[in-house]
Amino acid sequence: MLLALVAAGALALAAATYFQLTVLRKDSARRLTDLEQASARISETATRADAEARAARERAALLEARVAEEQGQRTALEQLYADLSRGRDEAVTVEVERLVSMAAQELAISGNVATALAALQTADARLARADSPRFLPLRRVIARDIERLKLAPSVDITGIALKLDQIATGIDGWTLLSDAQLPLPPADAAGTGDAHLPSVGVPAWRRWLERLRHELGEYRDLVRLRQVDTPEALLLQPQQQQLLRQQIRLRLLNARQALLSRNDRLFRADLAEAQALIARYVDTRQPGAAASLAQLKQIGATALTVEIPQINDSVAAVRATRATPGR
């Protein structure tokens, strides 16, 4: 009986233990399934995260490549702009140097202040259009030289040359001493006779004297009295007269050439020779010749040699600007 009870208790204990083991096994299986599902979800999440990270890395690499490409394009554009700017500044510098050199040559060779001033003003206008800070020192130097040239004394070379041309053109209309004619008396002076004298109260001898003067009036041109300081001037033949006019014209043209070349000595020598020929052989009582001689004397008193300023500062400044590369 006792054994039966012990066996029944043992059987019941075994059954309870088996039940507990079965429950524990099912719970373990469920938990294992949950763990496997959770692991699968974690693995899927990790896979998805890896894919997203890989896509993000690809997008980052693509963005870095685009940024690098844009940076390279920007650098190339900046280099191109710098090259274009340097090329433009170099072209402006070359043009300005040519203008400044031309102005310096005009001052050194011909002393033409007007031409040099125009060249410097053109150079300054070209620098102003360039609008570059690099050219500011050069513009200041050129502006100082422009003011100096504006204040410099000048000689109207062109006006004097035109006057000489006009005088040379009018030589053929001058009257020489060898063919000069005395001015005729007024018409009424030759025609006055006793018709203008009242017949009443006039002595007979005076009426006779007026009648004789009237009858001899037509013969007054047979004899001419002139005072000439150079008698040989009256002996010129027509061919010699033409040669004399050509000689005076040649002297005036030589004086004009010497004037344009700024040769003061030759200019005054030719001008003095022309005046001497005019005073010796030309009838200076005529208005044209007298006015021309007075004009030549006025031209001869004009000073051709004046102090002309130089523009060495501008020449040195433009050379220094060209030698210094711009940034």
C-alpha atoms as a PDB file:
ATOM      1  CA  MET A   1       0.000   0.000   0.000  1.00  0.00           C
ATOM      2  CA  LEU A   2       2.775   2.265   0.898  1.00  0.00           C
ATOM      3  CA  LEU A   3       4.637   1.286  -2.224  1.00  0.00           C
ATOM      4  CA  ALA A   4       1.591   2.015  -4.274  1.00  0.00           C
ATOM      5  CA  LEU A   5       1.339   5.429  -2.734  1.00  0.00           C
ATOM      6  CA  VAL A   6       5.022   6.069  -3.301  1.00  0.00           C
ATOM      7  CA  ALA A   7       4.699   4.886  -6.880  1.00  0.00           C
ATOM      8  CA  ALA A   8       1.660   7.038  -7.428  1.00  0.00           C
ATOM      9  CA  GLY A   9       3.431  10.024  -5.927  1.00  0.00           C
ATOM     10  CA  ALA A  10       6.453   9.342  -8.033  1.00  0.00           C
ATOM     11  CA  LEU A  11       4.279   9.000 -11.098  1.00  0.00           C
ATOM     12  CA  ALA A  12       2.473  12.187 -10.263  1.00  0.00           C
ATOM     13  CA  LEU A  13       5.798  13.966  -9.714  1.00  0.00           C
ATOM     14  CA  ALA A  14       7.088  12.582 -12.990  1.00  0.00           C
ATOM     15  CA  ALA A  15       3.920  13.708 -14.734  1.00  0.00           C
ATOM     16  CA  ALA A  16       4.207  17.176 -13.220  1.00  0.00           C
ATOM     17  CA  THR A  17       7.877  17.337 -14.140  1.00  0.00           C
ATOM     18  CA  TYR A  18       7.098  16.235 -17.700  1.00  0.00           C
ATOM     19  CA  PHE A  19       4.395  18.852 -17.912  1.00  0.00           C
ATOM     20  CA  GLN A  20       6.724  21.508 -16.659  1.00  0.00           C
ATOM     21  CA  LEU A  21       9.413  20.362 -19.108  1.00  0.00           C
ATOM     22  CA  THR A  22       6.861  20.425 -21.912  1.00  0.00           C
ATOM     23  CA  VAL A  23       5.782  23.944 -20.941  1.00  0.00           C
ATOM     24  CA  LEU A  24       9.389  24.999 -20.601  1.00  0.00           C
ATOM     25  CA  ARG A  25      10.252  23.512 -23.976  1.00  0.00           C
ATOM     26  CA  LYS A  26       7.377  25.318 -25.653  1.00  0.00           C
ATOM     27  CA  ASP A  27       8.331  28.544 -23.939  1.00  0.00           C
ATOM     28  CA  SER A  28      11.944  28.095 -25.012  1.00  0.00           C
ATOM     29  CA  ALA A  29      10.852  27.321 -28.554  1.00  0.00           C
ATOM     30  CA  ARG A  30       8.641  30.416 -28.579  1.00  0.00           C
ATOM     31  CA  ARG A  31      11.414  32.537 -27.210  1.00  0.00           C
ATOM     32  CA  LEU A  32      13.853  31.049 -29.695  1.00  0.00           C
ATOM     33  CA  THR A  33      11.390  31.840 -32.478  1.00  0.00           C
ATOM     34  CA  ASP A  34      11.028  35.375 -31.162  1.00  0.00           C
ATOM     35  CA  LEU A  35      14.771  35.677 -30.970  1.00  0.00           C
ATOM     36  CA  GLU A  36      15.151  34.390 -34.516  1.00  0.00           C
ATOM     37  CA  GLN A  37      12.479  36.822 -35.768  1.00  0.00           C
ATOM     38  CA  ALA A  38      14.108  39.641 -33.858  1.00  0.00           C
ATOM     39  CA  SER A  39      17.502  38.639 -35.252  1.00  0.00           C
ATOM     40  CA  ALA A  40      15.996  38.517 -38.736  1.00  0.00           C
ATOM     41  CA  ARG A  41      14.475  41.956 -38.234  1.00  0.00           C
ATOM     42  CA  ILE A  42      17.799  43.247 -36.883  1.00  0.00           C
ATOM     43  CA  SER A  43      19.627  41.694 -39.822  1.00  0.00           C
ATOM     44  CA  GLU A  44      17.124  43.219 -42.258  1.00  0.00           C
ATOM     45  CA  THR A  45      17.459  46.568 -40.518  1.00  0.00           C
ATOM     46  CA  ALA A  46      21.251  46.296 -40.625  1.00  0.00           C
ATOM     47  CA  THR A  47      21.111  45.358 -44.294  1.00  0.00           C
ATOM     48  CA  ARG A  48      18.820  48.281 -45.013  1.00  0.00           C
ATOM     49  CA  ALA A  49      21.076  50.561 -42.953  1.00  0.00           C
ATOM     50  CA  ASP A  50      24.089  49.286 -44.844  1.00  0.00           C
ATOM     51  CA  ALA A  51      22.339  49.967 -48.140  1.00  0.00           C
ATOM     52  CA  GLU A  52      21.337  53.420 -47.017  1.00  0.00           C
ATOM     53  CA  ALA A  53      24.865  54.121 -45.789  1.00  0.00           C
ATOM     54  CA  ARG A  54      26.287  52.873 -49.073  1.00  0.00           C
ATOM     55  CA  ALA A  55      23.829  55.082 -51.016  1.00  0.00           C
ATOM     56  CA  ALA A  56      24.736  58.024 -48.784  1.00  0.00           C
ATOM     57  CA  ARG A  57      28.421  57.398 -49.400  1.00  0.00           C
ATOM     58  CA  GLU A  58      27.766  57.248 -53.151  1.00  0.00           C
ATOM     59  CA  ARG A  59      25.777  60.503 -53.021  1.00  0.00           C
ATOM     60  CA  ALA A  60      28.534  62.134 -50.938  1.00  0.00           C
ATOM     61  CA  ALA A  61      31.156  60.978 -53.414  1.00  0.00           C
ATOM     62  CA  LEU A  62      29.042  62.323 -56.285  1.00  0.00           C
ATOM     63  CA  LEU A  63      28.615  65.647 -54.514  1.00  0.00           C
ATOM     64  CA  GLU A  64      32.330  65.827 -53.787  1.00  0.00           C
ATOM     65  CA  ALA A  65      33.056  65.135 -57.453  1.00  0.00           C
ATOM     66  CA  ARG A  66      30.633  67.892 -58.517  1.00  0.00           C
ATOM     67  CA  VAL A  67      32.091  70.317 -55.994  1.00  0.00           C
ATOM     68  CA  ALA A  68      35.598  69.482 -57.194  1.00  0.00           C
ATOM     69  CA  GLU A  69      34.485  69.974 -60.813  1.00  0.00           C
ATOM     70  CA  GLU A  70      32.840  73.316 -60.030  1.00  0.00           C
ATOM     71  CA  GLN A  71      35.906  74.399 -58.076  1.00  0.00           C
ATOM     72  CA  GLY A  72      38.073  73.488 -61.036  1.00  0.00           C
ATOM     73  CA  GLN A  73      35.799  75.419 -63.410  1.00  0.00           C
ATOM     74  CA  ARG A  74      35.831  78.403 -61.060  1.00  0.00           C
ATOM     75  CA  THR A  75      39.622  78.297 -60.867  1.00  0.00           C
ATOM     76  CA  ALA A  76      39.824  78.048 -64.667  1.00  0.00           C
ATOM     77  CA  LEU A  77      37.435  81.008 -65.055  1.00  0.00           C
ATOM     78  CA  GLU A  78      39.417  83.078 -62.571  1.00  0.00           C
ATOM     79  CA  GLN A  79      42.632  82.232 -64.401  1.00  0.00           C
ATOM     80  CA  LEU A  80      41.023  83.085 -67.733  1.00  0.00           C
ATOM     81  CA  TYR A  81      39.750  86.412 -66.371  1.00  0.00           C
ATOM     82  CA  ALA A  82      43.177  87.156 -64.928  1.00  0.00           C
ATOM     83  CA  ASP A  83      44.800  86.343 -68.272  1.00  0.00           C
ATOM     84  CA  LEU A  84      42.281  88.490 -70.128  1.00  0.00           C
ATOM     85  CA  SER A  85      42.759  91.316 -67.653  1.00  0.00           C
ATOM     86  CA  ARG A  86      46.533  91.127 -67.966  1.00  0.00           C
ATOM     87  CA  GLY A  87      46.231  91.002 -71.744  1.00  0.00           C
ATOM     88  CA  ARG A  88      43.910  94.023 -71.782  1.00  0.00           C
ATOM     89  CA  ASP A  89      46.154  95.971 -69.413  1.00  0.00           C
ATOM     90  CA  GLU A  90      49.170  95.037 -71.503  1.00  0.00           C
ATOM     91  CA  ALA A  91      47.466  96.265 -74.676  1.00  0.00           C
ATOM     92  CA  VAL A  92      46.499  99.523 -72.961  1.00  0.00           C
ATOM     93  CA  THR A  93      50.059  99.941 -71.665  1.00  0.00           C
ATOM     94  CA  VAL A  94      51.549  99.403 -75.125  1.00  0.00           C
ATOM     95  CA  GLU A  95      49.167 101.947 -76.672  1.00  0.00           C
ATOM     96  CA  VAL A  96      49.839 104.524 -73.966  1.00  0.00           C
ATOM     97  CA  GLU A  97      53.593 104.001 -74.279  1.00  0.00           C
ATOM     98  CA  ARG A  98      53.358 104.631 -78.028  1.00  0.00           C
ATOM     99  CA  LEU A  99      51.423 107.882 -77.481  1.00  0.00           C
ATOM    100  CA  VAL A 100      53.788 109.124 -74.772  1.00  0.00           C
ATOM    101  CA  SER A 101      56.833 108.296 -76.922  1.00  0.00           C
ATOM    102  CA  MET A 102      55.309 110.164 -79.868  1.00  0.00           C
ATOM    103  CA  ALA A 103      54.692 113.203 -77.651  1.00  0.00           C
ATOM    104  CA  ALA A 104      58.292 113.104 -76.380  1.00  0.00           C
ATOM    105  CA  GLN A 105      59.625 112.895 -79.949  1.00  0.00           C
ATOM    106  CA  GLU A 106      57.489 115.851 -81.055  1.00  0.00           C
ATOM    107  CA  LEU A 107      58.877 117.961 -78.222  1.00  0.00           C
ATOM    108  CA  ALA A 108      62.480 116.872 -78.790  1.00  0.00           C
ATOM    109  CA  ILE A 109      62.569 117.121 -82.602  1.00  0.00           C
ATOM    110  CA  SER A 110      60.064 119.748 -83.734  1.00  0.00           C
ATOM    111  CA  GLY A 111      59.067 121.380 -80.444  1.00  0.00           C
ATOM    112  CA  ASN A 112      55.400 121.053 -81.395  1.00  0.00           C
ATOM    113  CA  VAL A 113      53.694 121.552 -78.037  1.00  0.00           C
ATOM    114  CA  ALA A 114      50.152 121.270 -79.444  1.00  0.00           C
ATOM    115  CA  THR A 115      50.754 117.831 -80.965  1.00  0.00           C
ATOM    116  CA  ALA A 116      52.492 116.568 -77.817  1.00  0.00           C
ATOM    117  CA  LEU A 117      49.662 117.863 -75.646  1.00  0.00           C
ATOM    118  CA  ALA A 118      47.060 116.146 -77.832  1.00  0.00           C
ATOM    119  CA  ALA A 119      48.990 112.849 -77.627  1.00  0.00           C
ATOM    120  CA  LEU A 120      49.210 113.019 -73.815  1.00  0.00           C
ATOM    121  CA  GLN A 121      45.512 113.849 -73.499  1.00  0.00           C
ATOM    122  CA  THR A 122      44.667 110.875 -75.733  1.00  0.00           C
ATOM    123  CA  ALA A 123      46.836 108.614 -73.561  1.00  0.00           C
ATOM    124  CA  ASP A 124      45.110 109.844 -70.393  1.00  0.00           C
ATOM    125  CA  ALA A 125      41.671 109.238 -71.931  1.00  0.00           C
ATOM    126  CA  ARG A 126      42.707 105.690 -72.868  1.00  0.00           C
ATOM    127  CA  LEU A 127      43.812 105.001 -69.301  1.00  0.00           C
ATOM    128  CA  ALA A 128      40.533 106.424 -68.001  1.00  0.00           C
ATOM    129  CA  ARG A 129      38.547 104.010 -70.192  1.00  0.00           C
ATOM    130  CA  ALA A 130      40.596 101.078 -68.873  1.00  0.00           C
ATOM    131  CA  ASP A 131      39.481 101.988 -65.301  1.00  0.00           C
ATOM    132  CA  SER A 132      42.225  99.976 -63.585  1.00  0.00           C
ATOM    133  CA  PRO A 133      43.743 100.888 -60.198  1.00  0.00           C
ATOM    134  CA  ARG A 134      47.085  99.817 -61.612  1.00  0.00           C
ATOM    135  CA  PHE A 135      47.160 102.912 -63.852  1.00  0.00           C
ATOM    136  CA  LEU A 136      46.418 105.523 -61.176  1.00  0.00           C
ATOM    137  CA  PRO A 137      50.100 106.461 -60.517  1.00  0.00           C
ATOM    138  CA  LEU A 138      50.735 106.707 -64.257  1.00  0.00           C
ATOM    139  CA  ARG A 139      47.689 108.935 -64.742  1.00  0.00           C
ATOM    140  CA  ARG A 140      48.886 111.288 -62.007  1.00  0.00           C
ATOM    141  CA  VAL A 141      52.275 111.700 -63.716  1.00  0.00           C
ATOM    142  CA  ILE A 142      50.681 112.256 -67.149  1.00  0.00           C
ATOM    143  CA  ALA A 143      48.266 114.808 -65.646  1.00  0.00           C
ATOM    144  CA  ARG A 144      51.206 116.808 -64.267  1.00  0.00           C
ATOM    145  CA  ASP A 145      52.938 116.845 -67.665  1.00  0.00           C
ATOM    146  CA  ILE A 146      49.675 117.877 -69.361  1.00  0.00           C
ATOM    147  CA  GLU A 147      49.407 120.899 -67.063  1.00  0.00           C
ATOM    148  CA  ARG A 148      53.037 121.807 -67.766  1.00  0.00           C
ATOM    149  CA  LEU A 149      52.452 121.697 -71.528  1.00  0.00           C
ATOM    150  CA  LYS A 150      49.309 123.825 -71.198  1.00  0.00           C
ATOM    151  CA  LEU A 151      51.338 126.524 -69.430  1.00  0.00           C
ATOM    152  CA  ALA A 152      54.274 126.324 -71.864  1.00  0.00           C
ATOM    153  CA  PRO A 153      54.822 129.236 -74.332  1.00  0.00           C
ATOM    154  CA  SER A 154      54.062 128.381 -77.920  1.00  0.00           C
ATOM    155  CA  VAL A 155      54.813 129.809 -81.358  1.00  0.00           C
ATOM    156  CA  ASP A 156      52.142 129.768 -84.067  1.00  0.00           C
ATOM    157  CA  ILE A 157      54.321 127.952 -86.608  1.00  0.00           C
ATOM    158  CA  THR A 158      51.374 127.096 -88.828  1.00  0.00           C
ATOM    159  CA  GLY A 159      50.097 130.675 -88.887  1.00  0.00           C
ATOM    160  CA  ILE A 160      53.525 132.069 -89.797  1.00  0.00           C
ATOM    161  CA  ALA A 161      53.932 129.459 -92.538  1.00  0.00           C
ATOM    162  CA  LEU A 162      50.530 130.399 -93.991  1.00  0.00           C
ATOM    163  CA  LYS A 163      51.490 134.084 -93.990  1.00  0.00           C
ATOM    164  CA  LEU A 164      54.699 133.297 -95.862  1.00  0.00           C
ATOM    165  CA  ASP A 165      52.717 131.281 -98.398  1.00  0.00           C
ATOM    166  CA  GLN A 166      50.308 134.170 -98.919  1.00  0.00           C
ATOM    167  CA  ILE A 167      53.147 136.635 -99.428  1.00  0.00           C
ATOM    168  CA  ALA A 168      54.874 134.280-101.870  1.00  0.00           C
ATOM    169  CA  THR A 169      51.616 133.879-103.806  1.00  0.00           C
ATOM    170  CA  GLY A 170      51.141 137.638-104.184  1.00  0.00           C
ATOM    171  CA  ILE A 171      54.644 138.362-105.537  1.00  0.00           C
ATOM    172  CA  ASP A 172      53.492 138.332-109.154  1.00  0.00           C
ATOM    173  CA  GLY A 173      51.125 141.218-108.440  1.00  0.00           C
ATOM    174  CA  TRP A 174      53.833 143.531-107.096  1.00  0.00           C
ATOM    175  CA  THR A 175      55.096 146.446-109.154  1.00  0.00           C
ATOM    176  CA  LEU A 176      58.868 146.626-109.568  1.00  0.00           C
ATOM    177  CA  LEU A 177      60.815 149.869-109.701  1.00  0.00           C
ATOM    178  CA  SER A 178      61.807 149.094-113.255  1.00  0.00           C
ATOM    179  CA  ASP A 179      58.172 149.212-114.430  1.00  0.00           C
ATOM    180  CA  ALA A 180      56.578 151.431-111.788  1.00  0.00           C
ATOM    181  CA  GLN A 181      54.118 154.037-113.035  1.00  0.00           C
ATOM    182  CA  LEU A 182      53.535 157.328-111.284  1.00  0.00           C
ATOM    183  CA  PRO A 183      49.945 157.875-110.260  1.00  0.00           C
ATOM    184  CA  LEU A 184      48.048 159.983-112.773  1.00  0.00           C
ATOM    185  CA  PRO A 185      46.572 163.298-111.667  1.00  0.00           C
ATOM    186  CA  PRO A 186      42.840 163.432-111.125  1.00  0.00           C
ATOM    187  CA  ALA A 187      40.745 163.825-114.234  1.00  0.00           C
ATOM    188  CA  ASP A 188      39.331 167.136-113.208  1.00  0.00           C
ATOM    189  CA  ALA A 189      42.811 168.520-112.595  1.00  0.00           C
ATOM    190  CA  ALA A 190      43.820 167.912-116.209  1.00  0.00           C
ATOM    191  CA  GLY A 191      40.621 169.212-117.592  1.00  0.00           C
ATOM    192  CA  THR A 192      40.437 172.456-115.731  1.00  0.00           C
ATOM    193  CA  GLY A 193      40.944 175.456-117.910  1.00  0.00           C
ATOM    194  CA  ASP A 194      39.665 178.921-118.148  1.00  0.00           C
ATOM    195  CA  ALA A 195      36.194 177.413-118.347  1.00  0.00           C
ATOM    196  CA  HIS A 196      36.255 177.163-114.558  1.00  0.00           C
ATOM    197  CA  LEU A 197      37.617 180.643-114.136  1.00  0.00           C
ATOM    198  CA  PRO A 198      35.146 183.469-114.104  1.00  0.00           C
ATOM    199  CA  SER A 199      35.670 185.740-117.080  1.00  0.00           C
ATOM    200  CA  VAL A 200      34.808 188.770-115.065  1.00  0.00           C
ATOM    201  CA  GLY A 201      37.550 190.199-112.909  1.00  0.00           C
ATOM    202  CA  VAL A 202      40.294 187.765-114.096  1.00  0.00           C
ATOM    203  CA  PRO A 203      43.364 189.314-115.659  1.00  0.00           C
ATOM    204  CA  ALA A 204      44.048 188.452-119.278  1.00  0.00           C
ATOM    205  CA  TRP A 205      47.510 187.029-118.523  1.00  0.00           C
ATOM    206  CA  ARG A 206      46.041 184.547-116.038  1.00  0.00           C
ATOM    207  CA  ARG A 207      43.455 183.359-118.556  1.00  0.00           C
ATOM    208  CA  TRP A 208      46.244 182.927-121.107  1.00  0.00           C
ATOM    209  CA  LEU A 209      48.379 180.961-118.599  1.00  0.00           C
ATOM    210  CA  GLU A 210      45.507 178.591-117.740  1.00  0.00           C
ATOM    211  CA  ARG A 211      44.800 178.044-121.442  1.00  0.00           C
ATOM    212  CA  LEU A 212      48.487 177.180-122.046  1.00  0.00           C
ATOM    213  CA  ARG A 213      48.575 174.739-119.103  1.00  0.00           C
ATOM    214  CA  HIS A 214      45.472 173.045-120.411  1.00  0.00           C
ATOM    215  CA  GLU A 215      46.932 172.661-123.902  1.00  0.00           C
ATOM    216  CA  LEU A 216      50.222 171.221-122.576  1.00  0.00           C
ATOM    217  CA  GLY A 217      48.489 168.851-120.104  1.00  0.00           C
ATOM    218  CA  GLU A 218      48.407 165.890-122.507  1.00  0.00           C
ATOM    219  CA  TYR A 219      52.206 165.965-122.810  1.00  0.00           C
ATOM    220  CA  ARG A 220      52.926 165.772-119.063  1.00  0.00           C
ATOM    221  CA  ASP A 221      53.473 161.964-119.111  1.00  0.00           C
ATOM    222  CA  LEU A 222      56.358 162.259-121.558  1.00  0.00           C
ATOM    223  CA  VAL A 223      58.675 163.202-118.693  1.00  0.00           C
ATOM    224  CA  ARG A 224      58.654 161.404-115.301  1.00  0.00           C
ATOM    225  CA  LEU A 225      60.766 162.344-112.307  1.00  0.00           C
ATOM    226  CA  ARG A 226      61.491 159.706-109.652  1.00  0.00           C
ATOM    227  CA  GLN A 227      63.964 159.476-106.795  1.00  0.00           C
ATOM    228  CA  VAL A 228      65.517 155.995-106.623  1.00  0.00           C
ATOM    229  CA  ASP A 229      68.243 155.005-104.157  1.00  0.00           C
ATOM    230  CA  THR A 230      69.374 152.054-106.318  1.00  0.00           C
ATOM    231  CA  PRO A 231      69.623 153.132-109.953  1.00  0.00           C
ATOM    232  CA  GLU A 232      70.439 149.598-111.118  1.00  0.00           C
ATOM    233  CA  ALA A 233      66.890 148.562-110.073  1.00  0.00           C
ATOM    234  CA  LEU A 234      65.572 150.578-113.056  1.00  0.00           C
ATOM    235  CA  LEU A 235      67.665 148.622-115.572  1.00  0.00           C
ATOM    236  CA  LEU A 236      66.057 145.186-115.104  1.00  0.00           C
ATOM    237  CA  GLN A 237      64.885 143.522-118.296  1.00  0.00           C
ATOM    238  CA  PRO A 238      61.580 141.565-118.350  1.00  0.00           C
ATOM    239  CA  GLN A 239      63.441 138.250-118.079  1.00  0.00           C
ATOM    240  CA  GLN A 240      65.459 139.559-115.154  1.00  0.00           C
ATOM    241  CA  GLN A 241      62.282 140.800-113.515  1.00  0.00           C
ATOM    242  CA  GLN A 242      60.858 137.278-113.659  1.00  0.00           C
ATOM    243  CA  LEU A 243      64.050 135.874-112.191  1.00  0.00           C
ATOM    244  CA  LEU A 244      63.891 138.459-109.404  1.00  0.00           C
ATOM    245  CA  ARG A 245      60.332 137.451-108.527  1.00  0.00           C
ATOM    246  CA  GLN A 246      61.371 133.794-108.473  1.00  0.00           C
ATOM    247  CA  GLN A 247      64.338 134.648-106.265  1.00  0.00           C
ATOM    248  CA  ILE A 248      62.125 136.430-103.722  1.00  0.00           C
ATOM    249  CA  ARG A 249      59.638 133.553-103.779  1.00  0.00           C
ATOM    250  CA  LEU A 250      62.451 131.027-103.298  1.00  0.00           C
ATOM    251  CA  ARG A 251      63.760 132.938-100.291  1.00  0.00           C
ATOM    252  CA  LEU A 252      60.317 132.979 -98.716  1.00  0.00           C
ATOM    253  CA  LEU A 253      59.827 129.252 -99.326  1.00  0.00           C
ATOM    254  CA  ASN A 254      63.251 128.504 -97.857  1.00  0.00           C
ATOM    255  CA  ALA A 255      62.346 130.586 -94.815  1.00  0.00           C
ATOM    256  CA  ARG A 256      59.119 128.599 -94.511  1.00  0.00           C
ATOM    257  CA  GLN A 257      61.040 125.311 -94.654  1.00  0.00           C
ATOM    258  CA  ALA A 258      63.507 126.508 -92.039  1.00  0.00           C
ATOM    259  CA  LEU A 259      60.569 127.613 -89.882  1.00  0.00           C
ATOM    260  CA  LEU A 260      58.963 124.168 -89.988  1.00  0.00           C
ATOM    261  CA  SER A 261      62.286 122.511 -89.114  1.00  0.00           C
ATOM    262  CA  ARG A 262      62.854 125.001 -86.269  1.00  0.00           C
ATOM    263  CA  ASN A 263      66.127 126.252 -87.795  1.00  0.00           C
ATOM    264  CA  ASP A 264      66.141 129.787 -86.463  1.00  0.00           C
ATOM    265  CA  ARG A 265      69.423 130.837 -88.136  1.00  0.00           C
ATOM    266  CA  LEU A 266      68.402 129.834 -91.683  1.00  0.00           C
ATOM    267  CA  PHE A 267      64.901 131.205 -91.160  1.00  0.00           C
ATOM    268  CA  ARG A 268      66.129 134.677 -90.262  1.00  0.00           C
ATOM    269  CA  ALA A 269      68.827 134.673 -92.961  1.00  0.00           C
ATOM    270  CA  ASP A 270      66.339 133.831 -95.752  1.00  0.00           C
ATOM    271  CA  LEU A 271      63.804 136.271 -94.357  1.00  0.00           C
ATOM    272  CA  ALA A 272      66.367 139.095 -94.231  1.00  0.00           C
ATOM    273  CA  GLU A 273      67.477 138.355 -97.803  1.00  0.00           C
ATOM    274  CA  ALA A 274      63.885 138.455 -99.031  1.00  0.00           C
ATOM    275  CA  GLN A 275      63.277 141.791 -97.288  1.00  0.00           C
ATOM    276  CA  ALA A 276      66.462 143.215 -98.802  1.00  0.00           C
ATOM    277  CA  LEU A 277      65.393 142.176-102.322  1.00  0.00           C
ATOM    278  CA  ILE A 278      61.940 143.659-101.837  1.00  0.00           C
ATOM    279  CA  ALA A 279      63.264 146.951-100.490  1.00  0.00           C
ATOM    280  CA  ARG A 280      65.797 147.219-103.333  1.00  0.00           C
ATOM    281  CA  TYR A 281      63.795 146.233-106.409  1.00  0.00           C
ATOM    282  CA  VAL A 282      60.074 146.473-105.530  1.00  0.00           C
ATOM    283  CA  ASP A 283      58.048 149.665-105.495  1.00  0.00           C
ATOM    284  CA  THR A 284      57.095 149.635-101.800  1.00  0.00           C
ATOM    285  CA  ARG A 285      54.794 152.623-102.329  1.00  0.00           C
ATOM    286  CA  GLN A 286      52.224 150.175-103.660  1.00  0.00           C
ATOM    287  CA  PRO A 287      49.809 148.956-100.909  1.00  0.00           C
ATOM    288  CA  GLY A 288      50.334 145.233-101.539  1.00  0.00           C
ATOM    289  CA  ALA A 289      54.116 145.324-101.454  1.00  0.00           C
ATOM    290  CA  ALA A 290      54.177 147.720 -98.498  1.00  0.00           C
ATOM    291  CA  ALA A 291      51.836 145.496 -96.468  1.00  0.00           C
ATOM    292  CA  SER A 292      53.854 142.389 -97.325  1.00  0.00           C
ATOM    293  CA  LEU A 293      57.134 144.057 -96.322  1.00  0.00           C
ATOM    294  CA  ALA A 294      55.639 145.206 -93.024  1.00  0.00           C
ATOM    295  CA  GLN A 295      54.326 141.690 -92.412  1.00  0.00           C
ATOM    296  CA  LEU A 296      57.760 140.193 -93.083  1.00  0.00           C
ATOM    297  CA  LYS A 297      59.331 142.605 -90.615  1.00  0.00           C
ATOM    298  CA  GLN A 298      56.759 141.560 -88.022  1.00  0.00           C
ATOM    299  CA  ILE A 299      57.438 137.881 -88.677  1.00  0.00           C
ATOM    300  CA  GLY A 300      61.188 138.498 -88.399  1.00  0.00           C
ATOM    301  CA  ALA A 301      60.679 139.968 -84.932  1.00  0.00           C
ATOM    302  CA  THR A 302      58.924 136.790 -83.729  1.00  0.00           C
ATOM    303  CA  ALA A 303      61.022 134.575 -81.450  1.00  0.00           C
ATOM    304  CA  LEU A 304      61.073 130.966 -82.603  1.00  0.00           C
ATOM    305  CA  THR A 305      63.250 129.603 -79.827  1.00  0.00           C
ATOM    306  CA  VAL A 306      61.231 129.157 -76.638  1.00  0.00           C
ATOM    307  CA  GLU A 307      61.809 126.948 -73.635  1.00  0.00           C
ATOM    308  CA  ILE A 308      59.842 123.768 -74.267  1.00  0.00           C
ATOM    309  CA  PRO A 309      59.183 121.445 -71.288  1.00  0.00           C
ATOM    310  CA  GLN A 310      60.020 117.770 -71.592  1.00  0.00           C
ATOM    311  CA  ILE A 311      57.897 114.833 -70.439  1.00  0.00           C
ATOM    312  CA  ASN A 312      60.613 112.508 -69.184  1.00  0.00           C
ATOM    313  CA  ASP A 313      58.543 111.707 -66.076  1.00  0.00           C
ATOM    314  CA  SER A 314      55.702 110.315 -68.176  1.00  0.00           C
ATOM    315  CA  VAL A 315      58.096 108.281 -70.319  1.00  0.00           C
ATOM    316  CA  ALA A 316      59.734 106.749 -67.230  1.00  0.00           C
ATOM    317  CA  ALA A 317      56.367 106.113 -65.555  1.00  0.00           C
ATOM    318  CA  VAL A 318      54.854 104.285 -68.525  1.00  0.00           C
ATOM    319  CA  ARG A 319      57.970 102.132 -68.915  1.00  0.00           C
ATOM    320  CA  ALA A 320      57.879 101.260 -65.221  1.00  0.00           C
ATOM    321  CA  THR A 321      54.189 100.375 -65.474  1.00  0.00           C
ATOM    322  CA  ARG A 322      54.813  98.080 -68.416  1.00  0.00           C
ATOM    323  CA  ALA A 323      57.754  96.419 -66.673  1.00  0.00           C
ATOM    324  CA  THR A 324      55.655  95.728 -63.536  1.00  0.00           C
ATOM    325  CA  PRO A 325      53.130  92.906 -64.158  1.00  0.00           C
ATOM    326  CA  GLY A 326      49.661  93.597 -62.865  1.00  0.00           C
ATOM    327  CA  ARG A 327      47.933  91.292 -60.388  1.00  0.00           C
END
